[in-house]
Amino acid sequence: MNCLPLVAARRPPTHPGAPEMGRPKKVPNCTPSGGTLRVSRVVHIDPVIVDRDTTCTIVGLSPSNIAAQVLKGTFPAPRKTSTNRIGWLLTEIHAWAQGLPLSDILPPPSGHARPQ
């Protein structure tokens, strides 16, 4: 029996101009009970706007460090996404990171070098 990874079926978009996703296929189920499952394509979509915690994770900085850099103008300013929420454009975060200068600090020794 051919077994495929299980993927949640998605409804095709109904708005005009949406890409055609095709019909979900029925495939053999790899469970003891048998049967069939509906499987469709998985579409990966990068986020456009990311929240504060995600921004901190992406750039490896603390929220207070990011806030200080935003005030100094050295980090992109957040966008207002709703009344009480903000987020950063992922493209601006990438552009900021690409604009950082190259480091002249050497990485720490690995500890695996032979003693001299």
PDB file of N, CA and C in Angstrom:
ATOM      1  N   MET A   1       0.856  -1.172   0.000  1.00  0.00           N
ATOM      2  CA  MET A   1       0.000   0.000   0.000  1.00  0.00           C
ATOM      3  C   MET A   1       0.901   1.233   0.000  1.00  0.00           C
ATOM      4  N   ASN A   2       0.628   2.209  -0.858  1.00  0.00           N
ATOM      5  CA  ASN A   2       1.397   3.447  -0.892  1.00  0.00           C
ATOM      6  C   ASN A   2       0.873   4.389   0.180  1.00  0.00           C
ATOM      7  N   CYS A   3       1.754   4.800   1.070  1.00  0.00           N
ATOM      8  CA  CYS A   3       1.363   5.712   2.141  1.00  0.00           C
ATOM      9  C   CYS A   3       1.976   7.076   1.892  1.00  0.00           C
ATOM     10  N   LEU A   4       1.185   8.106   2.048  1.00  0.00           N
ATOM     11  CA  LEU A   4       1.648   9.476   1.895  1.00  0.00           C
ATOM     12  C   LEU A   4       1.496  10.195   3.219  1.00  0.00           C
ATOM     13  N   PRO A   5       2.310  11.239   3.464  1.00  0.00           N
ATOM     14  CA  PRO A   5       2.101  12.009   4.690  1.00  0.00           C
ATOM     15  C   PRO A   5       0.732  12.656   4.684  1.00  0.00           C
ATOM     16  N   LEU A   6       0.117  12.719   5.836  1.00  0.00           N
ATOM     17  CA  LEU A   6      -1.216  13.291   5.931  1.00  0.00           C
ATOM     18  C   LEU A   6      -1.123  14.807   5.904  1.00  0.00           C
ATOM     19  N   VAL A   7      -1.943  15.435   5.093  1.00  0.00           N
ATOM     20  CA  VAL A   7      -1.971  16.884   4.963  1.00  0.00           C
ATOM     21  C   VAL A   7      -3.417  17.318   5.034  1.00  0.00           C
ATOM     22  N   ALA A   8      -3.686  18.352   5.798  1.00  0.00           N
ATOM     23  CA  ALA A   8      -5.061  18.839   5.917  1.00  0.00           C
ATOM     24  C   ALA A   8      -5.544  19.361   4.575  1.00  0.00           C
ATOM     25  N   ALA A   9      -6.741  19.000   4.222  1.00  0.00           N
ATOM     26  CA  ALA A   9      -7.320  19.472   2.964  1.00  0.00           C
ATOM     27  C   ALA A   9      -7.735  20.924   3.110  1.00  0.00           C
ATOM     28  N   ARG A  10      -7.526  21.694   2.060  1.00  0.00           N
ATOM     29  CA  ARG A  10      -7.928  23.098   2.059  1.00  0.00           C
ATOM     30  C   ARG A  10      -9.005  23.295   1.025  1.00  0.00           C
ATOM     31  N   ARG A  11      -9.920  24.179   1.334  1.00  0.00           N
ATOM     32  CA  ARG A  11     -10.935  24.518   0.343  1.00  0.00           C
ATOM     33  C   ARG A  11     -10.310  25.421  -0.703  1.00  0.00           C
ATOM     34  N   PRO A  12     -10.687  25.247  -1.947  1.00  0.00           N
ATOM     35  CA  PRO A  12     -10.155  26.147  -2.963  1.00  0.00           C
ATOM     36  C   PRO A  12     -10.665  27.559  -2.731  1.00  0.00           C
ATOM     37  N   PRO A  13      -9.840  28.580  -3.029  1.00  0.00           N
ATOM     38  CA  PRO A  13     -10.288  29.958  -2.839  1.00  0.00           C
ATOM     39  C   PRO A  13     -11.462  30.278  -3.741  1.00  0.00           C
ATOM     40  N   THR A  14     -12.337  31.153  -3.256  1.00  0.00           N
ATOM     41  CA  THR A  14     -13.537  31.478  -4.025  1.00  0.00           C
ATOM     42  C   THR A  14     -13.480  32.859  -4.643  1.00  0.00           C
ATOM     43  N   HIS A  15     -12.462  33.676  -4.295  1.00  0.00           N
ATOM     44  CA  HIS A  15     -12.419  35.020  -4.856  1.00  0.00           C
ATOM     45  C   HIS A  15     -11.846  34.999  -6.276  1.00  0.00           C
ATOM     46  N   PRO A  16     -12.255  35.952  -7.116  1.00  0.00           N
ATOM     47  CA  PRO A  16     -11.785  35.978  -8.496  1.00  0.00           C
ATOM     48  C   PRO A  16     -10.276  36.197  -8.554  1.00  0.00           C
ATOM     49  N   GLY A  17      -9.635  35.551  -9.490  1.00  0.00           N
ATOM     50  CA  GLY A  17      -8.207  35.709  -9.677  1.00  0.00           C
ATOM     51  C   GLY A  17      -7.366  34.832  -8.765  1.00  0.00           C
ATOM     52  N   ALA A  18      -8.013  34.025  -7.926  1.00  0.00           N
ATOM     53  CA  ALA A  18      -7.263  33.156  -7.026  1.00  0.00           C
ATOM     54  C   ALA A  18      -6.664  32.007  -7.825  1.00  0.00           C
ATOM     55  N   PRO A  19      -5.458  31.548  -7.438  1.00  0.00           N
ATOM     56  CA  PRO A  19      -4.857  30.445  -8.174  1.00  0.00           C
ATOM     57  C   PRO A  19      -5.659  29.161  -7.996  1.00  0.00           C
ATOM     58  N   GLU A  20      -5.713  28.377  -9.027  1.00  0.00           N
ATOM     59  CA  GLU A  20      -6.441  27.105  -8.987  1.00  0.00           C
ATOM     60  C   GLU A  20      -5.598  26.099  -8.210  1.00  0.00           C
ATOM     61  N   MET A  21      -6.176  25.490  -7.193  1.00  0.00           N
ATOM     62  CA  MET A  21      -5.435  24.534  -6.383  1.00  0.00           C
ATOM     63  C   MET A  21      -5.711  23.096  -6.807  1.00  0.00           C
ATOM     64  N   GLY A  22      -6.671  22.886  -7.647  1.00  0.00           N
ATOM     65  CA  GLY A  22      -7.001  21.530  -8.046  1.00  0.00           C
ATOM     66  C   GLY A  22      -7.847  20.836  -6.998  1.00  0.00           C
ATOM     67  N   ARG A  23      -8.341  19.695  -7.343  1.00  0.00           N
ATOM     68  CA  ARG A  23      -9.170  18.928  -6.426  1.00  0.00           C
ATOM     69  C   ARG A  23      -8.291  18.076  -5.518  1.00  0.00           C
ATOM     70  N   PRO A  24      -8.653  17.987  -4.228  1.00  0.00           N
ATOM     71  CA  PRO A  24      -7.905  17.092  -3.351  1.00  0.00           C
ATOM     72  C   PRO A  24      -8.023  15.657  -3.848  1.00  0.00           C
ATOM     73  N   LYS A  25      -6.943  14.906  -3.713  1.00  0.00           N
ATOM     74  CA  LYS A  25      -6.936  13.521  -4.177  1.00  0.00           C
ATOM     75  C   LYS A  25      -7.252  12.589  -3.019  1.00  0.00           C
ATOM     76  N   LYS A  26      -7.912  11.498  -3.334  1.00  0.00           N
ATOM     77  CA  LYS A  26      -8.145  10.472  -2.331  1.00  0.00           C
ATOM     78  C   LYS A  26      -6.981   9.489  -2.421  1.00  0.00           C
ATOM     79  N   VAL A  27      -6.361   9.216  -1.274  1.00  0.00           N
ATOM     80  CA  VAL A  27      -5.217   8.311  -1.237  1.00  0.00           C
ATOM     81  C   VAL A  27      -5.471   7.252  -0.179  1.00  0.00           C
ATOM     82  N   PRO A  28      -4.798   6.105  -0.304  1.00  0.00           N
ATOM     83  CA  PRO A  28      -4.987   5.073   0.718  1.00  0.00           C
ATOM     84  C   PRO A  28      -4.534   5.572   2.080  1.00  0.00           C
ATOM     85  N   ASN A  29      -5.279   5.208   3.101  1.00  0.00           N
ATOM     86  CA  ASN A  29      -4.942   5.582   4.467  1.00  0.00           C
ATOM     87  C   ASN A  29      -4.001   4.529   5.032  1.00  0.00           C
ATOM     88  N   CYS A  30      -3.001   4.960   5.777  1.00  0.00           N
ATOM     89  CA  CYS A  30      -2.039   4.029   6.362  1.00  0.00           C
ATOM     90  C   CYS A  30      -2.430   3.606   7.771  1.00  0.00           C
ATOM     91  N   THR A  31      -3.668   3.793   8.131  1.00  0.00           N
ATOM     92  CA  THR A  31      -4.112   3.382   9.455  1.00  0.00           C
ATOM     93  C   THR A  31      -4.657   1.965   9.370  1.00  0.00           C
ATOM     94  N   PRO A  32      -4.692   1.263  10.508  1.00  0.00           N
ATOM     95  CA  PRO A  32      -5.206  -0.111  10.483  1.00  0.00           C
ATOM     96  C   PRO A  32      -6.639  -0.209   9.973  1.00  0.00           C
ATOM     97  N   SER A  33      -7.425   0.859  10.157  1.00  0.00           N
ATOM     98  CA  SER A  33      -8.820   0.785   9.740  1.00  0.00           C
ATOM     99  C   SER A  33      -8.978   0.932   8.231  1.00  0.00           C
ATOM    100  N   GLY A  34      -7.920   1.371   7.537  1.00  0.00           N
ATOM    101  CA  GLY A  34      -8.015   1.541   6.082  1.00  0.00           C
ATOM    102  C   GLY A  34      -8.813   2.770   5.730  1.00  0.00           C
ATOM    103  N   GLY A  35      -9.474   2.744   4.600  1.00  0.00           N
ATOM    104  CA  GLY A  35     -10.267   3.889   4.182  1.00  0.00           C
ATOM    105  C   GLY A  35      -9.455   4.830   3.313  1.00  0.00           C
ATOM    106  N   THR A  36     -10.011   5.984   3.049  1.00  0.00           N
ATOM    107  CA  THR A  36      -9.312   6.964   2.225  1.00  0.00           C
ATOM    108  C   THR A  36      -9.292   8.310   2.932  1.00  0.00           C
ATOM    109  N   LEU A  37      -8.324   9.107   2.584  1.00  0.00           N
ATOM    110  CA  LEU A  37      -8.192  10.456   3.117  1.00  0.00           C
ATOM    111  C   LEU A  37      -8.182  11.430   1.955  1.00  0.00           C
ATOM    112  N   ARG A  38      -8.650  12.632   2.213  1.00  0.00           N
ATOM    113  CA  ARG A  38      -8.559  13.683   1.202  1.00  0.00           C
ATOM    114  C   ARG A  38      -7.278  14.465   1.462  1.00  0.00           C
ATOM    115  N   VAL A  39      -6.438  14.566   0.454  1.00  0.00           N
ATOM    116  CA  VAL A  39      -5.158  15.249   0.581  1.00  0.00           C
ATOM    117  C   VAL A  39      -5.050  16.277  -0.531  1.00  0.00           C
ATOM    118  N   SER A  40      -4.585  17.464  -0.191  1.00  0.00           N
ATOM    119  CA  SER A  40      -4.375  18.485  -1.213  1.00  0.00           C
ATOM    120  C   SER A  40      -2.981  19.070  -1.045  1.00  0.00           C
ATOM    121  N   ARG A  41      -2.631  19.966  -1.937  1.00  0.00           N
ATOM    122  CA  ARG A  41      -1.315  20.595  -1.895  1.00  0.00           C
ATOM    123  C   ARG A  41      -1.173  21.485  -0.669  1.00  0.00           C
ATOM    124  N   VAL A  42       0.051  21.578  -0.179  1.00  0.00           N
ATOM    125  CA  VAL A  42       0.363  22.489   0.912  1.00  0.00           C
ATOM    126  C   VAL A  42       1.041  23.698   0.296  1.00  0.00           C
ATOM    127  N   VAL A  43       0.538  24.873   0.611  1.00  0.00           N
ATOM    128  CA  VAL A  43       1.101  26.104   0.085  1.00  0.00           C
ATOM    129  C   VAL A  43       1.764  26.841   1.234  1.00  0.00           C
ATOM    130  N   HIS A  44       3.051  27.132   1.084  1.00  0.00           N
ATOM    131  CA  HIS A  44       3.777  27.875   2.120  1.00  0.00           C
ATOM    132  C   HIS A  44       3.753  29.352   1.765  1.00  0.00           C
ATOM    133  N   ILE A  45       3.284  30.165   2.695  1.00  0.00           N
ATOM    134  CA  ILE A  45       3.212  31.604   2.483  1.00  0.00           C
ATOM    135  C   ILE A  45       4.009  32.284   3.588  1.00  0.00           C
ATOM    136  N   ASP A  46       5.025  33.059   3.202  1.00  0.00           N
ATOM    137  CA  ASP A  46       5.795  33.809   4.190  1.00  0.00           C
ATOM    138  C   ASP A  46       4.932  34.932   4.747  1.00  0.00           C
ATOM    139  N   PRO A  47       5.081  35.224   6.034  1.00  0.00           N
ATOM    140  CA  PRO A  47       4.305  36.326   6.604  1.00  0.00           C
ATOM    141  C   PRO A  47       4.773  37.662   6.039  1.00  0.00           C
ATOM    142  N   VAL A  48       3.875  38.609   5.957  1.00  0.00           N
ATOM    143  CA  VAL A  48       4.203  39.957   5.499  1.00  0.00           C
ATOM    144  C   VAL A  48       4.596  40.802   6.702  1.00  0.00           C
ATOM    145  N   ILE A  49       3.834  40.676   7.781  1.00  0.00           N
ATOM    146  CA  ILE A  49       4.078  41.436   9.006  1.00  0.00           C
ATOM    147  C   ILE A  49       4.262  40.445  10.153  1.00  0.00           C
ATOM    148  N   VAL A  50       5.271  40.705  11.000  1.00  0.00           N
ATOM    149  CA  VAL A  50       5.525  39.831  12.147  1.00  0.00           C
ATOM    150  C   VAL A  50       5.415  40.635  13.441  1.00  0.00           C
ATOM    151  N   ASP A  51       4.986  39.967  14.507  1.00  0.00           N
ATOM    152  CA  ASP A  51       4.803  40.641  15.795  1.00  0.00           C
ATOM    153  C   ASP A  51       6.143  40.842  16.510  1.00  0.00           C
ATOM    154  N   ARG A  52       6.096  41.471  17.687  1.00  0.00           N
ATOM    155  CA  ARG A  52       7.316  41.812  18.421  1.00  0.00           C
ATOM    156  C   ARG A  52       8.133  40.579  18.792  1.00  0.00           C
ATOM    157  N   ASP A  53       7.474  39.555  19.333  1.00  0.00           N
ATOM    158  CA  ASP A  53       8.208  38.363  19.756  1.00  0.00           C
ATOM    159  C   ASP A  53       8.885  37.677  18.575  1.00  0.00           C
ATOM    160  N   THR A  54       8.189  37.596  17.458  1.00  0.00           N
ATOM    161  CA  THR A  54       8.769  36.979  16.267  1.00  0.00           C
ATOM    162  C   THR A  54       9.925  37.820  15.747  1.00  0.00           C
ATOM    163  N   THR A  55       9.774  39.145  15.776  1.00  0.00           N
ATOM    164  CA  THR A  55      10.855  40.036  15.351  1.00  0.00           C
ATOM    165  C   THR A  55      12.088  39.818  16.220  1.00  0.00           C
ATOM    166  N   CYS A  56      11.889  39.716  17.530  1.00  0.00           N
ATOM    167  CA  CYS A  56      13.009  39.471  18.445  1.00  0.00           C
ATOM    168  C   CYS A  56      13.701  38.150  18.122  1.00  0.00           C
ATOM    169  N   THR A  57      12.923  37.126  17.837  1.00  0.00           N
ATOM    170  CA  THR A  57      13.485  35.824  17.500  1.00  0.00           C
ATOM    171  C   THR A  57      14.262  35.891  16.189  1.00  0.00           C
ATOM    172  N   ILE A  58      13.720  36.569  15.197  1.00  0.00           N
ATOM    173  CA  ILE A  58      14.368  36.655  13.886  1.00  0.00           C
ATOM    174  C   ILE A  58      15.723  37.341  13.991  1.00  0.00           C
ATOM    175  N   VAL A  59      15.792  38.468  14.700  1.00  0.00           N
ATOM    176  CA  VAL A  59      17.030  39.254  14.724  1.00  0.00           C
ATOM    177  C   VAL A  59      17.923  38.940  15.924  1.00  0.00           C
ATOM    178  N   GLY A  60      17.421  38.199  16.901  1.00  0.00           N
ATOM    179  CA  GLY A  60      18.235  37.832  18.051  1.00  0.00           C
ATOM    180  C   GLY A  60      18.474  38.972  19.022  1.00  0.00           C
ATOM    181  N   LEU A  61      17.552  39.908  19.090  1.00  0.00           N
ATOM    182  CA  LEU A  61      17.661  41.040  20.008  1.00  0.00           C
ATOM    183  C   LEU A  61      16.486  41.032  20.976  1.00  0.00           C
ATOM    184  N   SER A  62      16.670  41.678  22.122  1.00  0.00           N
ATOM    185  CA  SER A  62      15.592  41.763  23.111  1.00  0.00           C
ATOM    186  C   SER A  62      14.599  42.846  22.708  1.00  0.00           C
ATOM    187  N   PRO A  63      13.376  42.796  23.244  1.00  0.00           N
ATOM    188  CA  PRO A  63      12.396  43.841  22.940  1.00  0.00           C
ATOM    189  C   PRO A  63      12.889  45.240  23.323  1.00  0.00           C
ATOM    190  N   SER A  64      13.590  45.353  24.463  1.00  0.00           N
ATOM    191  CA  SER A  64      14.077  46.676  24.877  1.00  0.00           C
ATOM    192  C   SER A  64      15.175  47.181  23.941  1.00  0.00           C
ATOM    193  N   ASN A  65      16.015  46.282  23.440  1.00  0.00           N
ATOM    194  CA  ASN A  65      17.062  46.671  22.500  1.00  0.00           C
ATOM    195  C   ASN A  65      16.444  47.144  21.187  1.00  0.00           C
ATOM    196  N   ILE A  66      15.433  46.429  20.718  1.00  0.00           N
ATOM    197  CA  ILE A  66      14.752  46.834  19.481  1.00  0.00           C
ATOM    198  C   ILE A  66      14.082  48.188  19.679  1.00  0.00           C
ATOM    199  N   ALA A  67      13.403  48.379  20.819  1.00  0.00           N
ATOM    200  CA  ALA A  67      12.729  49.656  21.083  1.00  0.00           C
ATOM    201  C   ALA A  67      13.733  50.807  21.098  1.00  0.00           C
ATOM    202  N   ALA A  68      14.896  50.590  21.717  1.00  0.00           N
ATOM    203  CA  ALA A  68      15.920  51.636  21.760  1.00  0.00           C
ATOM    204  C   ALA A  68      16.440  51.950  20.362  1.00  0.00           C
ATOM    205  N   GLN A  69      16.633  50.910  19.549  1.00  0.00           N
ATOM    206  CA  GLN A  69      17.129  51.137  18.190  1.00  0.00           C
ATOM    207  C   GLN A  69      16.084  51.821  17.319  1.00  0.00           C
ATOM    208  N   VAL A  70      14.808  51.519  17.538  1.00  0.00           N
ATOM    209  CA  VAL A  70      13.740  52.204  16.790  1.00  0.00           C
ATOM    210  C   VAL A  70      13.767  53.691  17.132  1.00  0.00           C
ATOM    211  N   LEU A  71      13.919  54.018  18.418  1.00  0.00           N
ATOM    212  CA  LEU A  71      13.967  55.424  18.838  1.00  0.00           C
ATOM    213  C   LEU A  71      15.175  56.150  18.247  1.00  0.00           C
ATOM    214  N   LYS A  72      16.311  55.445  18.122  1.00  0.00           N
ATOM    215  CA  LYS A  72      17.514  56.044  17.531  1.00  0.00           C
ATOM    216  C   LYS A  72      17.443  56.089  16.006  1.00  0.00           C
ATOM    217  N   GLY A  73      16.490  55.360  15.429  1.00  0.00           N
ATOM    218  CA  GLY A  73      16.372  55.323  13.976  1.00  0.00           C
ATOM    219  C   GLY A  73      17.291  54.320  13.309  1.00  0.00           C
ATOM    220  N   THR A  74      17.826  53.376  14.093  1.00  0.00           N
ATOM    221  CA  THR A  74      18.729  52.373  13.527  1.00  0.00           C
ATOM    222  C   THR A  74      18.049  51.028  13.290  1.00  0.00           C
ATOM    223  N   PHE A  75      16.770  50.942  13.577  1.00  0.00           N
ATOM    224  CA  PHE A  75      15.981  49.727  13.312  1.00  0.00           C
ATOM    225  C   PHE A  75      14.657  50.184  12.719  1.00  0.00           C
ATOM    226  N   PRO A  76      14.081  49.416  11.796  1.00  0.00           N
ATOM    227  CA  PRO A  76      12.816  49.836  11.175  1.00  0.00           C
ATOM    228  C   PRO A  76      11.718  50.072  12.213  1.00  0.00           C
ATOM    229  N   ALA A  77      10.933  51.089  11.982  1.00  0.00           N
ATOM    230  CA  ALA A  77       9.808  51.387  12.870  1.00  0.00           C
ATOM    231  C   ALA A  77       8.683  50.384  12.626  1.00  0.00           C
ATOM    232  N   PRO A  78       7.947  50.038  13.678  1.00  0.00           N
ATOM    233  CA  PRO A  78       6.829  49.113  13.493  1.00  0.00           C
ATOM    234  C   PRO A  78       5.667  49.794  12.781  1.00  0.00           C
ATOM    235  N   ARG A  79       4.793  48.975  12.228  1.00  0.00           N
ATOM    236  CA  ARG A  79       3.568  49.452  11.573  1.00  0.00           C
ATOM    237  C   ARG A  79       2.394  49.178  12.491  1.00  0.00           C
ATOM    238  N   LYS A  80       1.403  50.038  12.441  1.00  0.00           N
ATOM    239  CA  LYS A  80       0.190  49.839  13.234  1.00  0.00           C
ATOM    240  C   LYS A  80      -0.730  48.911  12.444  1.00  0.00           C
ATOM    241  N   THR A  81      -0.976  47.709  12.974  1.00  0.00           N
ATOM    242  CA  THR A  81      -1.807  46.732  12.266  1.00  0.00           C
ATOM    243  C   THR A  81      -3.273  46.788  12.685  1.00  0.00           C
ATOM    244  N   SER A  82      -3.532  47.280  13.884  1.00  0.00           N
ATOM    245  CA  SER A  82      -4.902  47.492  14.352  1.00  0.00           C
ATOM    246  C   SER A  82      -4.832  48.498  15.497  1.00  0.00           C
ATOM    247  N   THR A  83      -5.930  48.705  16.178  1.00  0.00           N
ATOM    248  CA  THR A  83      -5.982  49.721  17.225  1.00  0.00           C
ATOM    249  C   THR A  83      -4.902  49.529  18.284  1.00  0.00           C
ATOM    250  N   ASN A  84      -4.702  48.310  18.737  1.00  0.00           N
ATOM    251  CA  ASN A  84      -3.760  48.062  19.830  1.00  0.00           C
ATOM    252  C   ASN A  84      -2.617  47.125  19.461  1.00  0.00           C
ATOM    253  N   ARG A  85      -2.339  46.969  18.174  1.00  0.00           N
ATOM    254  CA  ARG A  85      -1.281  46.029  17.779  1.00  0.00           C
ATOM    255  C   ARG A  85      -0.341  46.672  16.771  1.00  0.00           C
ATOM    256  N   ILE A  86       0.920  46.241  16.855  1.00  0.00           N
ATOM    257  CA  ILE A  86       1.923  46.689  15.897  1.00  0.00           C
ATOM    258  C   ILE A  86       2.647  45.477  15.338  1.00  0.00           C
ATOM    259  N   GLY A  87       3.343  45.667  14.251  1.00  0.00           N
ATOM    260  CA  GLY A  87       4.142  44.607  13.663  1.00  0.00           C
ATOM    261  C   GLY A  87       5.178  45.215  12.734  1.00  0.00           C
ATOM    262  N   TRP A  88       6.158  44.410  12.373  1.00  0.00           N
ATOM    263  CA  TRP A  88       7.222  44.860  11.480  1.00  0.00           C
ATOM    264  C   TRP A  88       7.083  44.166  10.136  1.00  0.00           C
ATOM    265  N   LEU A  89       7.343  44.917   9.071  1.00  0.00           N
ATOM    266  CA  LEU A  89       7.367  44.314   7.744  1.00  0.00           C
ATOM    267  C   LEU A  89       8.584  43.401   7.664  1.00  0.00           C
ATOM    268  N   LEU A  90       8.367  42.168   7.270  1.00  0.00           N
ATOM    269  CA  LEU A  90       9.461  41.208   7.191  1.00  0.00           C
ATOM    270  C   LEU A  90      10.514  41.672   6.184  1.00  0.00           C
ATOM    271  N   THR A  91      10.084  42.310   5.104  1.00  0.00           N
ATOM    272  CA  THR A  91      11.044  42.790   4.102  1.00  0.00           C
ATOM    273  C   THR A  91      11.943  43.874   4.686  1.00  0.00           C
ATOM    274  N   GLU A  92      11.400  44.729   5.556  1.00  0.00           N
ATOM    275  CA  GLU A  92      12.220  45.773   6.185  1.00  0.00           C
ATOM    276  C   GLU A  92      13.212  45.176   7.184  1.00  0.00           C
ATOM    277  N   ILE A  93      12.802  44.115   7.878  1.00  0.00           N
ATOM    278  CA  ILE A  93      13.723  43.438   8.799  1.00  0.00           C
ATOM    279  C   ILE A  93      14.872  42.821   8.009  1.00  0.00           C
ATOM    280  N   HIS A  94      14.546  42.171   6.889  1.00  0.00           N
ATOM    281  CA  HIS A  94      15.591  41.572   6.050  1.00  0.00           C
ATOM    282  C   HIS A  94      16.530  42.642   5.505  1.00  0.00           C
ATOM    283  N   ALA A  95      15.976  43.764   5.045  1.00  0.00           N
ATOM    284  CA  ALA A  95      16.804  44.851   4.508  1.00  0.00           C
ATOM    285  C   ALA A  95      17.713  45.417   5.602  1.00  0.00           C
ATOM    286  N   TRP A  96      17.188  45.575   6.821  1.00  0.00           N
ATOM    287  CA  TRP A  96      17.993  46.059   7.943  1.00  0.00           C
ATOM    288  C   TRP A  96      19.162  45.109   8.197  1.00  0.00           C
ATOM    289  N   ALA A  97      18.876  43.807   8.244  1.00  0.00           N
ATOM    290  CA  ALA A  97      19.918  42.821   8.525  1.00  0.00           C
ATOM    291  C   ALA A  97      20.976  42.815   7.420  1.00  0.00           C
ATOM    292  N   GLN A  98      20.540  42.941   6.168  1.00  0.00           N
ATOM    293  CA  GLN A  98      21.499  42.935   5.057  1.00  0.00           C
ATOM    294  C   GLN A  98      22.357  44.192   5.056  1.00  0.00           C
ATOM    295  N   GLY A  99      21.862  45.272   5.649  1.00  0.00           N
ATOM    296  CA  GLY A  99      22.608  46.519   5.702  1.00  0.00           C
ATOM    297  C   GLY A  99      23.575  46.621   6.868  1.00  0.00           C
ATOM    298  N   LEU A 100      23.573  45.632   7.752  1.00  0.00           N
ATOM    299  CA  LEU A 100      24.497  45.664   8.889  1.00  0.00           C
ATOM    300  C   LEU A 100      25.932  45.489   8.398  1.00  0.00           C
ATOM    301  N   PRO A 101      26.897  46.157   9.056  1.00  0.00           N
ATOM    302  CA  PRO A 101      28.294  46.003   8.627  1.00  0.00           C
ATOM    303  C   PRO A 101      28.816  44.610   8.970  1.00  0.00           C
ATOM    304  N   LEU A 102      29.811  44.173   8.217  1.00  0.00           N
ATOM    305  CA  LEU A 102      30.457  42.901   8.514  1.00  0.00           C
ATOM    306  C   LEU A 102      31.218  43.023   9.826  1.00  0.00           C
ATOM    307  N   SER A 103      31.247  41.958  10.582  1.00  0.00           N
ATOM    308  CA  SER A 103      31.911  41.969  11.883  1.00  0.00           C
ATOM    309  C   SER A 103      33.412  41.766  11.718  1.00  0.00           C
ATOM    310  N   ASP A 104      34.197  42.468  12.547  1.00  0.00           N
ATOM    311  CA  ASP A 104      35.641  42.226  12.574  1.00  0.00           C
ATOM    312  C   ASP A 104      36.028  41.437  13.828  1.00  0.00           C
ATOM    313  N   ILE A 105      35.031  40.981  14.551  1.00  0.00           N
ATOM    314  CA  ILE A 105      35.264  40.182  15.753  1.00  0.00           C
ATOM    315  C   ILE A 105      35.379  38.724  15.333  1.00  0.00           C
ATOM    316  N   LEU A 106      36.447  38.077  15.761  1.00  0.00           N
ATOM    317  CA  LEU A 106      36.629  36.669  15.434  1.00  0.00           C
ATOM    318  C   LEU A 106      35.698  35.816  16.287  1.00  0.00           C
ATOM    319  N   PRO A 107      35.244  34.686  15.746  1.00  0.00           N
ATOM    320  CA  PRO A 107      34.418  33.791  16.563  1.00  0.00           C
ATOM    321  C   PRO A 107      35.257  33.214  17.703  1.00  0.00           C
ATOM    322  N   PRO A 108      34.619  32.811  18.795  1.00  0.00           N
ATOM    323  CA  PRO A 108      35.378  32.252  19.914  1.00  0.00           C
ATOM    324  C   PRO A 108      36.050  30.948  19.503  1.00  0.00           C
ATOM    325  N   PRO A 109      37.147  30.594  20.168  1.00  0.00           N
ATOM    326  CA  PRO A 109      37.814  29.335  19.818  1.00  0.00           C
ATOM    327  C   PRO A 109      36.893  28.153  20.092  1.00  0.00           C
ATOM    328  N   SER A 110      37.047  27.131  19.274  1.00  0.00           N
ATOM    329  CA  SER A 110      36.165  25.969  19.396  1.00  0.00           C
ATOM    330  C   SER A 110      36.532  25.090  20.572  1.00  0.00           C
ATOM    331  N   GLY A 111      37.777  25.214  21.058  1.00  0.00           N
ATOM    332  CA  GLY A 111      38.209  24.364  22.162  1.00  0.00           C
ATOM    333  C   GLY A 111      38.746  23.032  21.690  1.00  0.00           C
ATOM    334  N   HIS A 112      38.775  22.829  20.372  1.00  0.00           N
ATOM    335  CA  HIS A 112      39.247  21.557  19.830  1.00  0.00           C
ATOM    336  C   HIS A 112      40.640  21.676  19.222  1.00  0.00           C
ATOM    337  N   ALA A 113      41.275  22.829  19.364  1.00  0.00           N
ATOM    338  CA  ALA A 113      42.609  23.008  18.790  1.00  0.00           C
ATOM    339  C   ALA A 113      43.642  22.271  19.640  1.00  0.00           C
ATOM    340  N   ARG A 114      44.717  21.892  18.998  1.00  0.00           N
ATOM    341  CA  ARG A 114      45.794  21.222  19.729  1.00  0.00           C
ATOM    342  C   ARG A 114      46.531  22.244  20.593  1.00  0.00           C
ATOM    343  N   PRO A 115      46.942  21.852  21.773  1.00  0.00           N
ATOM    344  CA  PRO A 115      47.716  22.782  22.608  1.00  0.00           C
ATOM    345  C   PRO A 115      49.050  23.093  21.943  1.00  0.00           C
ATOM    346  N   GLN A 116      49.488  24.324  22.101  1.00  0.00           N
ATOM    347  CA  GLN A 116      50.750  24.716  21.458  1.00  0.00           C
ATOM    348  C   GLN A 116      51.884  24.755  22.433  1.00  0.00           C
TER     349      GLN A 116
END
